[in-house]
Amino acid sequence: MEKVIVTEKLPIKLWLDDIETGALEQAKNLANLPFLFQHVAVMPDAHLGYGMPIGGVMASEEVVIPNAVGVDIGCGMCAVRTSLATISTRQLTQVLTEIRRKVPLGFDHHQKKQAPQFMPKPDRDMADLPVVTREYQAALTQLGTLGGGNHFIEIQKGDDGRIWLMVHSGSRNLGFKVANYYNHLAMELNRQSGSKIPTSWQLAFLPVTSAAAQAYLGEMRYCVDFAFANRKMMMERVKDAVLLAAAPVVFEPMINIAHNYAALELHYSKHVLVHRKGATSAREGEIGIIPGSQGSPSYIVKGKGNPESFESCSHGAGRKMGRKQAQRQLDLVREKKRLDDQGIIHAVRSTRDLDEAAGAYKDIDEVIDNQLDLVEVLVALRPLAVIKG
């Protein structure tokens, strides 16, 4: 259940007790924006971001804030339930080898451009999408690539008795370029107009009625669609790898949900632009995905449509350590043993990999418990094998 802070201009509703100081300060900045609608919602996986906490939800009638969406526009999750009840270690190893052959990881792109028919179709003329147009050819080599950071491909065993496939990835360099372009444009336009919002808040905005805001929203939607196309292509290649190792297999329809975007939605009887940055939609009956770390379970959930969170929930476990902090403080032997003892084929090899070790993340079960008024758990998924970017 949420806790409410009422010291600012508008309330802050939190679904966690242990929010870090920096993330709380960012939530307070949001609560004091002149165009904030209703309140700020802070999900149980929240931690410090640029301008807005990752795990934050805010709405406005008047403006869009690029930093309240973030640089990995459309980043999200997809999952597929298979007909398999078991998969052997030998088969898992074969699947991982084939995935690594077909899916570029980290900063790698495809050497050849992927077919344009797999790219999203824009909802407007490409001339109205200047950054997408400029980056389009490069994006053809990024389609079907994982990226780095916390992005992953995982093979999992569900408590429903089935093997599941999961992919976490975003819009790659395309989304990064769109986000940076419009954030810098917003900063310059705010400077020219004499905005009273401190630049140190990193919350430069674009009035919704402006040409710049409409351009950003169009390019943002394209990046959300590109991120979905990216995950879809990777999932098809993961399915191909599973078929090579364990055929015959039947795959159920893919679940897909994004967690970095802004969308026009109806809340409290008004149409408002909801910004979700590291948060997912959890409308009543909506199926979603809340992943853990590579050493903890992930969850398939069903939304409860709670209006207090703008019908949202967390996008994962959430970090409890920064990347450099995790590399300095976590014990490599202990983190590897934690994964090895569970029989997980994992991606922790050296101190450099500790930024994505399980110890760098919050307890996913506590995160889930903190939002049982937002979602219902349908399936718990235990990791069997993990590929990281």
Protein backbone atom coordinates (compact mmCIF):
# COMPACT_ATOMS: atom_id res chain seq x y z
CA MET A 1 0.00 0.00 0.00
CA GLU A 2 1.15 3.52 -0.68
CA LYS A 3 2.58 5.99 1.82
CA VAL A 4 1.98 9.69 1.26
CA ILE A 5 4.32 12.67 1.66
CA VAL A 6 2.40 15.96 1.88
CA THR A 7 5.22 18.45 2.51
CA GLU A 8 5.39 19.59 -1.13
CA LYS A 9 3.01 21.48 -3.43
CA LEU A 10 1.31 18.21 -4.42
CA PRO A 11 1.44 14.80 -2.70
CA ILE A 12 4.03 12.10 -3.32
CA LYS A 13 2.65 8.57 -3.09
CA LEU A 14 5.26 5.88 -2.47
CA TRP A 15 5.06 2.10 -2.55
CA LEU A 16 8.33 1.64 -0.63
CA ASP A 17 9.92 2.55 2.70
CA ASP A 18 13.59 2.65 1.73
CA ILE A 19 13.79 5.29 -1.01
CA GLU A 20 17.31 6.73 -1.38
CA THR A 21 17.80 10.41 -0.62
CA GLY A 22 18.56 11.44 -4.21
CA ALA A 23 15.50 9.72 -5.63
CA LEU A 24 13.29 11.28 -2.95
CA GLU A 25 14.66 14.74 -3.78
CA GLN A 26 13.81 14.13 -7.44
CA ALA A 27 10.27 13.09 -6.46
CA LYS A 28 9.96 16.32 -4.45
CA ASN A 29 11.08 18.33 -7.48
CA LEU A 30 8.34 16.70 -9.53
CA ALA A 31 5.77 17.42 -6.82
CA ASN A 32 6.61 21.13 -7.02
CA LEU A 33 6.28 21.47 -10.80
CA PRO A 34 3.56 24.01 -11.68
CA PHE A 35 2.05 21.68 -14.27
CA LEU A 36 2.05 18.42 -12.28
CA PHE A 37 -1.34 16.69 -12.30
CA GLN A 38 -2.78 15.22 -9.08
CA HIS A 39 0.33 13.66 -7.45
CA VAL A 40 3.63 11.84 -8.05
CA ALA A 41 3.59 8.03 -7.86
CA VAL A 42 6.82 6.26 -6.86
CA MET A 43 7.00 2.50 -7.47
CA PRO A 44 8.67 0.03 -5.06
CA ASP A 45 11.72 -0.46 -7.29
CA ALA A 46 12.52 3.27 -7.44
CA HIS A 47 16.06 4.61 -7.50
CA LEU A 48 17.94 7.70 -8.71
CA GLY A 49 17.66 8.63 -12.39
CA TYR A 50 18.24 11.72 -14.52
CA GLY A 51 15.68 14.33 -13.50
CA MET A 52 13.04 11.81 -12.44
CA PRO A 53 13.47 8.67 -10.36
CA ILE A 54 13.54 5.41 -12.26
CA GLY A 55 10.36 3.82 -11.00
CA GLY A 56 8.51 7.14 -11.15
CA VAL A 57 5.12 8.00 -12.65
CA MET A 58 3.87 11.54 -13.25
CA ALA A 59 1.13 13.14 -15.34
CA SER A 60 0.52 16.56 -16.86
CA GLU A 61 -2.14 18.21 -19.00
CA GLU A 62 0.19 20.85 -20.36
CA VAL A 63 3.71 19.57 -21.03
CA VAL A 64 5.87 16.60 -21.96
CA ILE A 65 9.24 16.13 -20.23
CA PRO A 66 11.80 14.09 -22.23
CA ASN A 67 13.81 13.23 -19.08
CA ALA A 68 10.64 11.83 -17.49
CA VAL A 69 10.69 9.19 -20.23
CA GLY A 70 14.45 8.70 -20.33
CA VAL A 71 17.07 7.85 -22.92
CA ASP A 72 16.07 4.24 -23.61
CA ILE A 73 12.64 5.07 -25.00
CA GLY A 74 10.33 2.07 -25.19
CA CYS A 75 12.62 -0.20 -23.18
CA GLY A 76 10.57 -3.10 -21.91
CA MET A 77 9.97 -6.79 -21.49
CA CYS A 78 8.57 -9.65 -23.50
CA ALA A 79 7.92 -13.22 -22.44
CA VAL A 80 6.76 -16.43 -24.13
CA ARG A 81 5.40 -19.57 -22.43
CA THR A 82 6.47 -22.78 -24.14
CA SER A 83 5.00 -26.28 -24.16
CA LEU A 84 8.20 -27.65 -22.60
CA ALA A 85 8.02 -28.95 -19.04
CA THR A 86 11.78 -29.50 -18.74
CA ILE A 87 15.00 -28.60 -20.51
CA SER A 88 18.38 -30.21 -19.80
CA THR A 89 21.65 -28.43 -19.06
CA ARG A 90 23.00 -29.73 -22.37
CA GLN A 91 20.01 -28.28 -24.22
CA LEU A 92 20.31 -24.97 -22.36
CA THR A 93 23.97 -24.71 -23.33
CA GLN A 94 23.07 -25.41 -26.96
CA VAL A 95 20.32 -22.74 -26.84
CA LEU A 96 22.69 -20.13 -25.40
CA THR A 97 25.35 -20.88 -28.02
CA GLU A 98 22.83 -20.42 -30.83
CA ILE A 99 21.44 -17.20 -29.33
CA ARG A 100 24.92 -15.72 -29.09
CA ARG A 101 25.45 -16.63 -32.75
CA LYS A 102 22.25 -14.89 -33.89
CA VAL A 103 21.79 -11.96 -31.47
CA PRO A 104 24.49 -9.26 -31.16
CA LEU A 105 25.14 -8.33 -27.51
CA GLY A 106 26.37 -5.21 -25.75
CA PHE A 107 27.54 -2.52 -28.16
CA ASP A 108 27.56 -4.94 -31.10
CA HIS A 109 25.22 -4.45 -34.06
CA HIS A 110 24.47 -6.67 -37.05
CA GLN A 111 27.08 -6.38 -39.77
CA LYS A 112 24.29 -6.34 -42.36
CA LYS A 113 21.14 -4.23 -42.29
CA GLN A 114 18.00 -6.13 -41.35
CA ALA A 115 15.07 -6.15 -43.78
CA PRO A 116 13.10 -2.86 -43.67
CA GLN A 117 9.77 -4.71 -43.47
CA PHE A 118 10.61 -5.58 -39.86
CA MET A 119 10.86 -1.89 -38.96
CA PRO A 120 7.80 -0.09 -37.53
CA LYS A 121 5.51 1.83 -39.83
CA PRO A 122 5.38 5.49 -38.70
CA ASP A 123 2.03 7.07 -37.80
CA ARG A 124 3.00 10.17 -39.77
CA ASP A 125 5.19 11.24 -42.69
CA MET A 126 8.86 10.42 -42.13
CA ALA A 127 9.65 14.06 -42.86
CA ASP A 128 7.99 14.83 -39.51
CA LEU A 129 10.41 12.48 -37.75
CA PRO A 130 13.77 14.22 -38.33
CA VAL A 131 15.90 12.28 -35.84
CA VAL A 132 14.40 8.92 -36.81
CA THR A 133 14.94 9.76 -40.48
CA ARG A 134 18.58 10.66 -39.84
CA GLU A 135 19.21 7.49 -37.80
CA TYR A 136 17.04 5.08 -39.83
CA GLN A 137 19.80 3.33 -41.78
CA ALA A 138 21.88 2.79 -38.65
CA ALA A 139 18.79 1.49 -36.86
CA LEU A 140 18.48 -1.27 -39.48
CA THR A 141 21.70 -2.75 -38.07
CA GLN A 142 20.46 -2.36 -34.46
CA LEU A 143 17.17 -4.21 -34.98
CA GLY A 144 17.31 -7.55 -33.17
CA THR A 145 20.23 -6.60 -30.89
CA LEU A 146 20.26 -6.80 -27.11
CA GLY A 147 22.33 -3.87 -25.92
CA GLY A 148 24.16 -3.71 -22.60
CA GLY A 149 23.51 -2.69 -19.01
CA ASN A 150 20.60 -4.53 -17.42
CA HIS A 151 19.28 -5.96 -20.70
CA PHE A 152 19.07 -9.72 -20.81
CA ILE A 153 17.75 -12.88 -22.44
CA GLU A 154 16.65 -15.56 -19.97
CA ILE A 155 15.37 -19.13 -20.05
CA GLN A 156 13.15 -19.76 -17.02
CA LYS A 157 11.10 -22.43 -15.27
CA GLY A 158 7.65 -21.31 -14.16
CA ASP A 159 5.74 -22.52 -11.13
CA ASP A 160 3.07 -23.38 -13.70
CA GLY A 161 5.33 -26.26 -14.76
CA ARG A 162 6.41 -24.70 -18.07
CA ILE A 163 9.65 -23.37 -19.55
CA TRP A 164 9.46 -19.64 -20.36
CA LEU A 165 11.57 -17.33 -22.55
CA MET A 166 12.13 -13.69 -21.61
CA VAL A 167 13.82 -10.70 -23.27
CA HIS A 168 14.54 -7.26 -21.78
CA SER A 169 15.72 -4.61 -24.22
CA GLY A 170 14.96 -1.18 -25.66
CA SER A 171 15.32 1.16 -28.61
CA ARG A 172 19.14 1.05 -28.73
CA ASN A 173 20.93 4.10 -30.14
CA LEU A 174 17.81 5.32 -31.95
CA GLY A 175 15.97 6.06 -28.69
CA PHE A 176 19.10 7.56 -27.16
CA LYS A 177 19.49 10.02 -30.04
CA VAL A 178 15.80 11.03 -29.97
CA ALA A 179 15.84 11.51 -26.19
CA ASN A 180 19.00 13.61 -26.17
CA TYR A 181 17.92 15.77 -29.10
CA TYR A 182 14.60 16.75 -27.55
CA ASN A 183 15.94 17.12 -24.02
CA HIS A 184 18.54 19.60 -25.28
CA LEU A 185 15.89 21.36 -27.38
CA ALA A 186 13.65 21.63 -24.31
CA MET A 187 16.55 23.02 -22.26
CA GLU A 188 17.22 25.70 -24.87
CA LEU A 189 13.54 26.64 -25.28
CA ASN A 190 13.12 26.84 -21.50
CA ARG A 191 16.17 29.10 -21.28
CA GLN A 192 14.79 31.38 -23.99
CA SER A 193 11.37 31.60 -22.32
CA GLY A 194 12.83 32.33 -18.88
CA SER A 195 11.45 29.20 -17.22
CA LYS A 196 11.47 29.39 -13.42
CA ILE A 197 12.17 25.65 -13.07
CA PRO A 198 15.81 25.24 -11.94
CA THR A 199 18.04 23.69 -14.60
CA SER A 200 19.61 21.57 -11.84
CA TRP A 201 16.33 19.62 -11.62
CA GLN A 202 16.98 18.23 -15.16
CA LEU A 203 13.26 18.51 -15.97
CA ALA A 204 13.25 20.64 -19.12
CA PHE A 205 9.80 20.53 -20.72
CA LEU A 206 7.98 21.12 -23.98
CA PRO A 207 4.44 22.61 -23.99
CA VAL A 208 2.14 19.95 -25.46
CA THR A 209 0.64 22.38 -27.99
CA SER A 210 4.09 23.32 -29.38
CA ALA A 211 5.50 21.95 -32.62
CA ALA A 212 8.55 20.69 -30.68
CA ALA A 213 6.39 18.64 -28.31
CA GLN A 214 4.36 17.15 -31.14
CA ALA A 215 7.57 16.24 -32.96
CA TYR A 216 8.98 14.61 -29.81
CA LEU A 217 5.80 12.63 -29.17
CA GLY A 218 5.82 11.34 -32.75
CA GLU A 219 9.47 10.32 -32.60
CA MET A 220 9.01 8.84 -29.11
CA ARG A 221 6.12 6.66 -30.33
CA TYR A 222 8.27 5.44 -33.21
CA CYS A 223 11.03 4.50 -30.75
CA VAL A 224 8.51 2.61 -28.58
CA ASP A 225 7.44 0.68 -31.69
CA PHE A 226 11.07 0.12 -32.68
CA ALA A 227 11.88 -1.27 -29.23
CA PHE A 228 8.95 -3.67 -29.56
CA ALA A 229 10.13 -4.74 -33.04
CA ASN A 230 13.62 -5.22 -31.61
CA ARG A 231 12.37 -7.51 -28.82
CA LYS A 232 10.10 -9.37 -31.21
CA MET A 233 12.98 -10.15 -33.60
CA MET A 234 15.19 -11.34 -30.75
CA MET A 235 12.41 -13.50 -29.36
CA GLU A 236 11.95 -15.15 -32.76
CA ARG A 237 15.66 -16.01 -32.77
CA VAL A 238 15.47 -17.32 -29.21
CA LYS A 239 12.54 -19.52 -30.25
CA ASP A 240 14.55 -20.78 -33.23
CA ALA A 241 17.41 -21.65 -30.86
CA VAL A 242 15.04 -23.59 -28.58
CA LEU A 243 13.62 -25.49 -31.55
CA LEU A 244 17.13 -26.53 -32.60
CA ALA A 245 17.84 -27.92 -29.14
CA ALA A 246 14.49 -29.27 -27.97
CA ALA A 247 11.97 -29.68 -30.81
CA PRO A 248 9.07 -30.16 -30.98
CA VAL A 249 7.94 -27.06 -29.06
CA VAL A 250 4.74 -25.01 -29.15
CA PHE A 251 5.07 -21.30 -28.27
CA GLU A 252 2.18 -19.31 -26.84
CA PRO A 253 1.53 -15.67 -27.91
CA MET A 254 4.12 -13.21 -26.71
CA ILE A 255 3.47 -10.91 -23.76
CA ASN A 256 5.01 -7.47 -24.34
CA ILE A 257 5.08 -4.39 -22.11
CA ALA A 258 7.18 -1.21 -22.22
CA HIS A 259 8.36 0.79 -19.23
CA ASN A 260 9.86 4.05 -20.60
CA TYR A 261 7.30 6.20 -22.44
CA ALA A 262 4.61 8.89 -22.21
CA ALA A 263 1.02 8.29 -23.30
CA LEU A 264 -2.29 10.16 -23.30
CA GLU A 265 -4.60 8.39 -20.85
CA LEU A 266 -7.78 9.05 -18.87
CA HIS A 267 -7.20 9.46 -15.12
CA TYR A 268 -9.35 11.18 -12.52
CA SER A 269 -11.83 12.11 -15.30
CA LYS A 270 -9.19 14.01 -17.32
CA HIS A 271 -7.07 13.15 -20.32
CA VAL A 272 -3.47 13.59 -19.21
CA LEU A 273 -0.04 12.73 -20.51
CA VAL A 274 1.26 9.98 -18.20
CA HIS A 275 5.05 9.66 -18.06
CA ARG A 276 6.32 6.25 -16.96
CA LYS A 277 10.07 6.02 -16.39
CA GLY A 278 10.93 2.53 -15.25
CA ALA A 279 7.28 1.76 -14.56
CA THR A 280 4.73 -0.33 -16.45
CA SER A 281 1.05 -0.01 -17.13
CA ALA A 282 -1.10 -2.12 -14.79
CA ARG A 283 -4.66 -1.50 -15.97
CA GLU A 284 -7.33 -3.80 -14.59
CA GLY A 285 -6.80 -7.25 -16.13
CA GLU A 286 -3.68 -6.20 -18.09
CA ILE A 287 -0.95 -8.86 -18.18
CA GLY A 288 2.52 -7.58 -17.34
CA ILE A 289 6.05 -8.68 -16.49
CA ILE A 290 8.13 -7.74 -13.42
CA PRO A 291 11.63 -9.22 -13.77
CA GLY A 292 14.07 -9.88 -10.96
CA SER A 293 17.85 -10.04 -11.22
CA GLN A 294 19.75 -12.91 -12.85
CA GLY A 295 19.77 -14.69 -9.49
CA SER A 296 16.13 -14.16 -8.48
CA PRO A 297 12.65 -14.91 -9.80
CA SER A 298 10.66 -12.87 -12.31
CA TYR A 299 6.88 -12.58 -12.24
CA ILE A 300 4.02 -12.58 -14.71
CA VAL A 301 1.37 -10.33 -13.16
CA LYS A 302 -2.14 -9.03 -13.79
CA GLY A 303 -2.93 -5.37 -13.17
CA LYS A 304 -5.54 -4.24 -10.68
CA GLY A 305 -6.09 -0.79 -12.22
CA ASN A 306 -5.27 1.11 -9.02
CA PRO A 307 -5.93 4.83 -9.75
CA GLU A 308 -3.49 5.97 -7.03
CA SER A 309 -0.52 4.72 -9.11
CA PHE A 310 -2.02 5.98 -12.39
CA GLU A 311 -2.71 2.28 -13.05
CA SER A 312 1.01 1.48 -12.94
CA CYS A 313 3.40 -0.93 -11.22
CA SER A 314 7.15 -1.48 -10.93
CA HIS A 315 9.26 -2.49 -13.93
CA GLY A 316 11.59 -4.79 -12.01
CA ALA A 317 13.45 -5.25 -8.75
CA GLY A 318 15.28 -1.93 -8.94
CA ARG A 319 18.91 -1.25 -8.13
CA LYS A 320 20.12 -0.85 -4.55
CA MET A 321 23.71 -0.16 -5.65
CA GLY A 322 25.16 1.96 -8.42
CA ARG A 323 27.19 0.11 -11.03
CA LYS A 324 30.63 1.28 -9.82
CA GLN A 325 29.58 0.76 -6.21
CA ALA A 326 28.57 -2.84 -6.94
CA GLN A 327 31.89 -3.53 -8.67
CA ARG A 328 33.76 -2.12 -5.65
CA GLN A 329 31.72 -3.64 -2.83
CA LEU A 330 30.26 -6.98 -3.93
CA ASP A 331 32.24 -10.17 -3.45
CA LEU A 332 32.77 -11.96 -6.77
CA VAL A 333 33.14 -15.43 -5.23
CA ARG A 334 29.99 -15.02 -3.14
CA GLU A 335 27.93 -13.69 -6.06
CA LYS A 336 29.03 -16.53 -8.35
CA LYS A 337 28.31 -19.09 -5.62
CA ARG A 338 24.81 -17.66 -5.15
CA LEU A 339 24.08 -18.36 -8.82
CA ASP A 340 25.99 -21.66 -9.02
CA ASP A 341 24.17 -23.05 -5.98
CA GLN A 342 20.88 -22.49 -7.81
CA GLY A 343 22.20 -24.23 -10.91
CA ILE A 344 21.83 -21.08 -13.03
CA ILE A 345 23.94 -20.77 -16.17
CA HIS A 346 24.88 -17.13 -15.61
CA ALA A 347 26.91 -14.20 -16.91
CA VAL A 348 29.01 -13.25 -13.85
CA ARG A 349 32.64 -13.94 -14.81
CA SER A 350 34.72 -11.11 -13.38
CA THR A 351 34.56 -8.07 -11.10
CA ARG A 352 33.40 -6.05 -14.10
CA ASP A 353 30.20 -8.13 -14.19
CA LEU A 354 29.25 -7.38 -10.59
CA ASP A 355 27.24 -4.32 -11.67
CA GLU A 356 24.59 -6.81 -12.82
CA ALA A 357 25.01 -9.36 -10.01
CA ALA A 358 21.98 -10.24 -7.91
CA GLY A 359 23.49 -8.42 -4.92
CA ALA A 360 23.26 -5.09 -6.78
CA TYR A 361 19.45 -5.32 -6.84
CA LYS A 362 16.65 -5.05 -4.31
CA ASP A 363 14.84 -8.13 -3.02
CA ILE A 364 12.29 -8.82 -5.76
CA ASP A 365 9.92 -10.58 -3.37
CA GLU A 366 9.83 -7.52 -1.12
CA VAL A 367 9.22 -5.34 -4.19
CA ILE A 368 6.29 -7.58 -5.18
CA ASP A 369 4.86 -7.59 -1.65
CA ASN A 370 4.92 -3.78 -1.63
CA GLN A 371 2.62 -3.59 -4.66
CA LEU A 372 0.01 -6.28 -4.13
CA ASP A 373 -2.59 -3.50 -4.29
CA LEU A 374 -1.33 -2.78 -7.85
CA VAL A 375 -0.93 -6.29 -9.31
CA GLU A 376 -1.84 -9.91 -8.79
CA VAL A 377 0.93 -12.48 -9.27
CA LEU A 378 0.04 -15.12 -11.87
CA VAL A 379 3.30 -17.04 -12.41
CA ALA A 380 6.69 -17.02 -10.68
CA LEU A 381 9.61 -17.73 -13.03
CA ARG A 382 12.93 -19.10 -11.76
CA PRO A 383 16.00 -18.39 -13.94
CA LEU A 384 17.73 -21.38 -15.53
CA ALA A 385 20.11 -19.64 -17.95
CA VAL A 386 20.95 -15.98 -18.54
CA ILE A 387 22.61 -13.99 -21.32
CA LYS A 388 23.59 -10.40 -20.44
CA GLY A 389 24.57 -7.62 -22.78
